[in-house]
PDB file of all heavy atoms in Angstrom:
ATOM      1  N   THR A   1       0.829  -1.204   0.000  1.00  0.00           N
ATOM      2  CA  THR A   1       0.000   0.000   0.000  1.00  0.00           C
ATOM      3  C   THR A   1       0.865   1.257   0.000  1.00  0.00           C
ATOM      4  O   THR A   1       0.515   2.282  -0.606  1.00  0.00           O
ATOM      5  CB  THR A   1      -0.937   0.013   1.226  1.00  0.00           C
ATOM      6  OG1 THR A   1      -1.746  -1.169   1.221  1.00  0.00           O
ATOM      7  CG2 THR A   1      -1.852   1.236   1.189  1.00  0.00           C
ATOM      8  N   LEU A   2       2.017   1.172   0.661  1.00  0.00           N
ATOM      9  CA  LEU A   2       2.948   2.298   0.691  1.00  0.00           C
ATOM     10  C   LEU A   2       3.721   2.446  -0.617  1.00  0.00           C
ATOM     11  O   LEU A   2       4.506   3.382  -0.774  1.00  0.00           O
ATOM     12  CB  LEU A   2       3.933   2.132   1.860  1.00  0.00           C
ATOM     13  CG  LEU A   2       3.331   2.291   3.273  1.00  0.00           C
ATOM     14  CD1 LEU A   2       4.366   1.938   4.331  1.00  0.00           C
ATOM     15  CD2 LEU A   2       2.835   3.718   3.475  1.00  0.00           C
ATOM     16  N   GLY A   3       3.503   1.508  -1.534  1.00  0.00           N
ATOM     17  CA  GLY A   3       4.138   1.607  -2.847  1.00  0.00           C
ATOM     18  C   GLY A   3       5.467   0.890  -2.973  1.00  0.00           C
ATOM     19  O   GLY A   3       6.187   1.093  -3.956  1.00  0.00           O
ATOM     20  N   LEU A   4       5.811   0.037  -1.997  1.00  0.00           N
ATOM     21  CA  LEU A   4       7.069  -0.707  -2.068  1.00  0.00           C
ATOM     22  C   LEU A   4       6.898  -1.874  -3.035  1.00  0.00           C
ATOM     23  O   LEU A   4       6.140  -2.811  -2.755  1.00  0.00           O
ATOM     24  CB  LEU A   4       7.474  -1.209  -0.684  1.00  0.00           C
ATOM     25  CG  LEU A   4       8.883  -1.785  -0.540  1.00  0.00           C
ATOM     26  CD1 LEU A   4       9.930  -0.720  -0.848  1.00  0.00           C
ATOM     27  CD2 LEU A   4       9.099  -2.339   0.860  1.00  0.00           C
ATOM     28  N   LYS A   5       7.580  -1.825  -4.183  1.00  0.00           N
ATOM     29  CA  LYS A   5       7.375  -2.807  -5.241  1.00  0.00           C
ATOM     30  C   LYS A   5       7.684  -4.231  -4.796  1.00  0.00           C
ATOM     31  O   LYS A   5       7.042  -5.176  -5.220  1.00  0.00           O
ATOM     32  CB  LYS A   5       8.238  -2.447  -6.457  1.00  0.00           C
ATOM     33  CG  LYS A   5       7.942  -1.076  -7.053  1.00  0.00           C
ATOM     34  CD  LYS A   5       6.536  -0.998  -7.592  1.00  0.00           C
ATOM     35  CE  LYS A   5       6.277   0.350  -8.256  1.00  0.00           C
ATOM     36  NZ  LYS A   5       4.912   0.436  -8.799  1.00  0.00           N
ATOM     37  N   ALA A   6       8.700  -4.393  -3.939  1.00  0.00           N
ATOM     38  CA  ALA A   6       9.091  -5.724  -3.472  1.00  0.00           C
ATOM     39  C   ALA A   6       8.427  -6.044  -2.134  1.00  0.00           C
ATOM     40  O   ALA A   6       8.972  -6.786  -1.316  1.00  0.00           O
ATOM     41  CB  ALA A   6      10.606  -5.819  -3.361  1.00  0.00           C
ATOM     42  N   GLY A   7       7.243  -5.482  -1.916  1.00  0.00           N
ATOM     43  CA  GLY A   7       6.557  -5.642  -0.640  1.00  0.00           C
ATOM     44  C   GLY A   7       6.305  -7.081  -0.247  1.00  0.00           C
ATOM     45  O   GLY A   7       6.397  -7.444   0.932  1.00  0.00           O
ATOM     46  N   ILE A   8       5.973  -7.934  -1.217  1.00  0.00           N
ATOM     47  CA  ILE A   8       5.703  -9.342  -0.912  1.00  0.00           C
ATOM     48  C   ILE A   8       6.968 -10.017  -0.390  1.00  0.00           C
ATOM     49  O   ILE A   8       6.944 -10.736   0.624  1.00  0.00           O
ATOM     50  CB  ILE A   8       5.188 -10.081  -2.161  1.00  0.00           C
ATOM     51  CG1 ILE A   8       3.819  -9.532  -2.573  1.00  0.00           C
ATOM     52  CG2 ILE A   8       5.094 -11.586  -1.894  1.00  0.00           C
ATOM     53  CD1 ILE A   8       3.256 -10.160  -3.834  1.00  0.00           C
ATOM     54  N   PHE A   9       8.093  -9.773  -1.048  1.00  0.00           N
ATOM     55  CA  PHE A   9       9.359 -10.381  -0.642  1.00  0.00           C
ATOM     56  C   PHE A   9       9.796  -9.887   0.735  1.00  0.00           C
ATOM     57  O   PHE A   9      10.149 -10.679   1.617  1.00  0.00           O
ATOM     58  CB  PHE A   9      10.434 -10.076  -1.685  1.00  0.00           C
ATOM     59  CG  PHE A   9      11.790 -10.646  -1.363  1.00  0.00           C
ATOM     60  CD1 PHE A   9      11.984 -12.010  -1.313  1.00  0.00           C
ATOM     61  CD2 PHE A   9      12.870  -9.813  -1.103  1.00  0.00           C
ATOM     62  CE1 PHE A   9      13.237 -12.550  -1.023  1.00  0.00           C
ATOM     63  CE2 PHE A   9      14.114 -10.329  -0.810  1.00  0.00           C
ATOM     64  CZ  PHE A   9      14.302 -11.701  -0.765  1.00  0.00           C
ATOM     65  N   TYR A  10       9.749  -8.573   0.930  1.00  0.00           N
ATOM     66  CA  TYR A  10      10.141  -8.017   2.228  1.00  0.00           C
ATOM     67  C   TYR A  10       9.178  -8.463   3.324  1.00  0.00           C
ATOM     68  O   TYR A  10       9.573  -8.665   4.475  1.00  0.00           O
ATOM     69  CB  TYR A  10      10.200  -6.494   2.158  1.00  0.00           C
ATOM     70  CG  TYR A  10      11.324  -5.968   1.300  1.00  0.00           C
ATOM     71  CD1 TYR A  10      11.123  -4.923   0.403  1.00  0.00           C
ATOM     72  CD2 TYR A  10      12.602  -6.535   1.372  1.00  0.00           C
ATOM     73  CE1 TYR A  10      12.155  -4.445  -0.395  1.00  0.00           C
ATOM     74  CE2 TYR A  10      13.633  -6.065   0.577  1.00  0.00           C
ATOM     75  CZ  TYR A  10      13.412  -5.026  -0.306  1.00  0.00           C
ATOM     76  OH  TYR A  10      14.446  -4.568  -1.095  1.00  0.00           O
ATOM     77  N   GLY A  11       7.912  -8.624   2.983  1.00  0.00           N
ATOM     78  CA  GLY A  11       6.937  -9.113   3.951  1.00  0.00           C
ATOM     79  C   GLY A  11       7.282 -10.513   4.418  1.00  0.00           C
ATOM     80  O   GLY A  11       7.147 -10.848   5.607  1.00  0.00           O
ATOM     81  N   MET A  12       7.733 -11.357   3.483  1.00  0.00           N
ATOM     82  CA  MET A  12       8.158 -12.708   3.844  1.00  0.00           C
ATOM     83  C   MET A  12       9.369 -12.678   4.775  1.00  0.00           C
ATOM     84  O   MET A  12       9.442 -13.439   5.743  1.00  0.00           O
ATOM     85  CB  MET A  12       8.486 -13.503   2.567  1.00  0.00           C
ATOM     86  CG  MET A  12       7.279 -13.860   1.725  1.00  0.00           C
ATOM     87  SD  MET A  12       7.722 -14.658   0.156  1.00  0.00           S
ATOM     88  CE  MET A  12       8.535 -16.140   0.739  1.00  0.00           C
ATOM     89  N   ILE A  13      10.316 -11.793   4.485  1.00  0.00           N
ATOM     90  CA  ILE A  13      11.513 -11.681   5.328  1.00  0.00           C
ATOM     91  C   ILE A  13      11.129 -11.267   6.751  1.00  0.00           C
ATOM     92  O   ILE A  13      11.579 -11.880   7.735  1.00  0.00           O
ATOM     93  CB  ILE A  13      12.507 -10.666   4.727  1.00  0.00           C
ATOM     94  CG1 ILE A  13      13.074 -11.195   3.408  1.00  0.00           C
ATOM     95  CG2 ILE A  13      13.640 -10.374   5.715  1.00  0.00           C
ATOM     96  CD1 ILE A  13      13.985 -10.215   2.699  1.00  0.00           C
ATOM     97  N   LEU A  14      10.280 -10.241   6.870  1.00  0.00           N
ATOM     98  CA  LEU A  14       9.867  -9.765   8.188  1.00  0.00           C
ATOM     99  C   LEU A  14       9.075 -10.837   8.946  1.00  0.00           C
ATOM    100  O   LEU A  14       9.248 -11.009  10.164  1.00  0.00           O
ATOM    101  CB  LEU A  14       9.024  -8.495   8.044  1.00  0.00           C
ATOM    102  CG  LEU A  14       9.781  -7.243   7.584  1.00  0.00           C
ATOM    103  CD1 LEU A  14       8.797  -6.099   7.319  1.00  0.00           C
ATOM    104  CD2 LEU A  14      10.798  -6.820   8.641  1.00  0.00           C
ATOM    105  N   THR A  15       8.228 -11.562   8.232  1.00  0.00           N
ATOM    106  CA  THR A  15       7.445 -12.624   8.868  1.00  0.00           C
ATOM    107  C   THR A  15       8.351 -13.736   9.378  1.00  0.00           C
ATOM    108  O   THR A  15       8.160 -14.250  10.496  1.00  0.00           O
ATOM    109  CB  THR A  15       6.426 -13.204   7.874  1.00  0.00           C
ATOM    110  OG1 THR A  15       5.607 -12.150   7.358  1.00  0.00           O
ATOM    111  CG2 THR A  15       5.539 -14.240   8.548  1.00  0.00           C
ATOM    112  N   ALA A  16       9.347 -14.106   8.577  1.00  0.00           N
ATOM    113  CA  ALA A  16      10.293 -15.137   9.002  1.00  0.00           C
ATOM    114  C   ALA A  16      11.088 -14.689  10.228  1.00  0.00           C
ATOM    115  O   ALA A  16      11.310 -15.467  11.160  1.00  0.00           O
ATOM    116  CB  ALA A  16      11.237 -15.487   7.857  1.00  0.00           C
ATOM    117  N   ILE A  17      11.499 -13.431  10.245  1.00  0.00           N
ATOM    118  CA  ILE A  17      12.256 -12.895  11.380  1.00  0.00           C
ATOM    119  C   ILE A  17      11.417 -12.921  12.654  1.00  0.00           C
ATOM    120  O   ILE A  17      11.879 -13.347  13.722  1.00  0.00           O
ATOM    121  CB  ILE A  17      12.741 -11.456  11.084  1.00  0.00           C
ATOM    122  CG1 ILE A  17      13.808 -11.479   9.988  1.00  0.00           C
ATOM    123  CG2 ILE A  17      13.297 -10.798  12.355  1.00  0.00           C
ATOM    124  CD1 ILE A  17      14.227 -10.102   9.514  1.00  0.00           C
ATOM    125  N   VAL A  18      10.172 -12.470  12.562  1.00  0.00           N
ATOM    126  CA  VAL A  18       9.271 -12.489  13.716  1.00  0.00           C
ATOM    127  C   VAL A  18       9.036 -13.922  14.191  1.00  0.00           C
ATOM    128  O   VAL A  18       9.000 -14.200  15.394  1.00  0.00           O
ATOM    129  CB  VAL A  18       7.929 -11.800  13.372  1.00  0.00           C
ATOM    130  CG1 VAL A  18       6.901 -12.028  14.464  1.00  0.00           C
ATOM    131  CG2 VAL A  18       8.141 -10.319  13.153  1.00  0.00           C
ATOM    132  N   GLY A  19       8.889 -14.838  13.224  1.00  0.00           N
ATOM    133  CA  GLY A  19       8.709 -16.239  13.574  1.00  0.00           C
ATOM    134  C   GLY A  19       9.891 -16.801  14.336  1.00  0.00           C
ATOM    135  O   GLY A  19       9.733 -17.582  15.289  1.00  0.00           O
ATOM    136  N   MET A  20      11.109 -16.392  13.958  1.00  0.00           N
ATOM    137  CA  MET A  20      12.307 -16.840  14.664  1.00  0.00           C
ATOM    138  C   MET A  20      12.412 -16.215  16.050  1.00  0.00           C
ATOM    139  O   MET A  20      12.819 -16.861  17.014  1.00  0.00           O
ATOM    140  CB  MET A  20      13.551 -16.515  13.823  1.00  0.00           C
ATOM    141  CG  MET A  20      13.708 -17.391  12.587  1.00  0.00           C
ATOM    142  SD  MET A  20      15.241 -17.116  11.665  1.00  0.00           S
ATOM    143  CE  MET A  20      14.792 -15.656  10.713  1.00  0.00           C
ATOM    144  N   ILE A  21      12.015 -14.944  16.145  1.00  0.00           N
ATOM    145  CA  ILE A  21      12.058 -14.256  17.442  1.00  0.00           C
ATOM    146  C   ILE A  21      11.158 -14.953  18.462  1.00  0.00           C
ATOM    147  O   ILE A  21      11.523 -15.120  19.637  1.00  0.00           O
ATOM    148  CB  ILE A  21      11.637 -12.775  17.284  1.00  0.00           C
ATOM    149  CG1 ILE A  21      12.699 -12.006  16.494  1.00  0.00           C
ATOM    150  CG2 ILE A  21      11.409 -12.124  18.653  1.00  0.00           C
ATOM    151  CD1 ILE A  21      12.301 -10.575  16.161  1.00  0.00           C
ATOM    152  N   PHE A  22       9.993 -15.397  18.039  1.00  0.00           N
ATOM    153  CA  PHE A  22       9.033 -16.027  18.950  1.00  0.00           C
ATOM    154  C   PHE A  22       9.156 -17.555  18.975  1.00  0.00           C
ATOM    155  O   PHE A  22       8.300 -18.238  19.544  1.00  0.00           O
ATOM    156  CB  PHE A  22       7.611 -15.623  18.566  1.00  0.00           C
ATOM    157  CG  PHE A  22       7.274 -14.202  18.927  1.00  0.00           C
ATOM    158  CD1 PHE A  22       7.426 -13.176  18.006  1.00  0.00           C
ATOM    159  CD2 PHE A  22       6.825 -13.888  20.201  1.00  0.00           C
ATOM    160  CE1 PHE A  22       7.125 -11.861  18.340  1.00  0.00           C
ATOM    161  CE2 PHE A  22       6.517 -12.567  20.540  1.00  0.00           C
ATOM    162  CZ  PHE A  22       6.669 -11.550  19.617  1.00  0.00           C
ATOM    163  N   GLY A  23      10.197 -18.083  18.380  1.00  0.00           N
ATOM    164  CA  GLY A  23      10.450 -19.516  18.456  1.00  0.00           C
ATOM    165  C   GLY A  23       9.546 -20.383  17.602  1.00  0.00           C
ATOM    166  O   GLY A  23       9.435 -21.592  17.824  1.00  0.00           O
ATOM    167  N   LEU A  24       8.896 -19.789  16.628  1.00  0.00           N
ATOM    168  CA  LEU A  24       8.013 -20.556  15.743  1.00  0.00           C
ATOM    169  C   LEU A  24       8.752 -21.108  14.531  1.00  0.00           C
ATOM    170  O   LEU A  24       8.264 -22.014  13.854  1.00  0.00           O
ATOM    171  CB  LEU A  24       6.853 -19.668  15.276  1.00  0.00           C
ATOM    172  CG  LEU A  24       5.977 -19.069  16.389  1.00  0.00           C
ATOM    173  CD1 LEU A  24       4.937 -18.125  15.804  1.00  0.00           C
ATOM    174  CD2 LEU A  24       5.300 -20.178  17.183  1.00  0.00           C
ATOM    175  N   ILE A  25       9.904 -20.536  14.252  1.00  0.00           N
ATOM    176  CA  ILE A  25      10.739 -20.961  13.126  1.00  0.00           C
ATOM    177  C   ILE A  25      12.162 -21.143  13.639  1.00  0.00           C
ATOM    178  O   ILE A  25      12.656 -20.318  14.413  1.00  0.00           O
ATOM    179  CB  ILE A  25      10.714 -19.917  11.987  1.00  0.00           C
ATOM    180  CG1 ILE A  25       9.292 -19.777  11.421  1.00  0.00           C
ATOM    181  CG2 ILE A  25      11.682 -20.303  10.867  1.00  0.00           C
ATOM    182  CD1 ILE A  25       9.151 -18.679  10.383  1.00  0.00           C
ATOM    183  N   ALA A  26      12.796 -22.228  13.231  1.00  0.00           N
ATOM    184  CA  ALA A  26      14.162 -22.506  13.669  1.00  0.00           C
ATOM    185  C   ALA A  26      15.123 -21.434  13.160  1.00  0.00           C
ATOM    186  O   ALA A  26      15.066 -21.037  11.990  1.00  0.00           O
ATOM    187  CB  ALA A  26      14.600 -23.877  13.173  1.00  0.00           C
ATOM    188  N   VAL A  27      15.998 -20.970  14.044  1.00  0.00           N
ATOM    189  CA  VAL A  27      16.964 -19.937  13.678  1.00  0.00           C
ATOM    190  C   VAL A  27      18.167 -20.579  12.989  1.00  0.00           C
ATOM    191  O   VAL A  27      18.742 -21.533  13.511  1.00  0.00           O
ATOM    192  CB  VAL A  27      17.447 -19.169  14.925  1.00  0.00           C
ATOM    193  CG1 VAL A  27      18.468 -18.102  14.533  1.00  0.00           C
ATOM    194  CG2 VAL A  27      16.269 -18.548  15.654  1.00  0.00           C
ATOM    195  N   PRO A  28      18.554 -20.088  11.801  1.00  0.00           N
ATOM    196  CA  PRO A  28      19.733 -20.637  11.109  1.00  0.00           C
ATOM    197  C   PRO A  28      20.983 -20.480  11.985  1.00  0.00           C
ATOM    198  O   PRO A  28      21.177 -19.451  12.627  1.00  0.00           O
ATOM    199  CB  PRO A  28      19.837 -19.771   9.847  1.00  0.00           C
ATOM    200  CG  PRO A  28      18.467 -19.224   9.654  1.00  0.00           C
ATOM    201  CD  PRO A  28      17.902 -19.021  11.029  1.00  0.00           C
ATOM    202  N   SER A  29      21.803 -21.522  12.005  1.00  0.00           N
ATOM    203  CA  SER A  29      23.024 -21.474  12.816  1.00  0.00           C
ATOM    204  C   SER A  29      24.242 -21.634  11.916  1.00  0.00           C
ATOM    205  O   SER A  29      24.449 -22.689  11.323  1.00  0.00           O
ATOM    206  CB  SER A  29      23.011 -22.583  13.872  1.00  0.00           C
ATOM    207  OG  SER A  29      22.843 -23.845  13.262  1.00  0.00           O
TER     208      SER A  29
END
């Protein structure tokens, strides 16, 4: 909505990061 063309890709990155923060996704080691 803010006009970021790669919004879908960046949204996936942010979702994965939040998932790792809350222990829902394994953190790469």
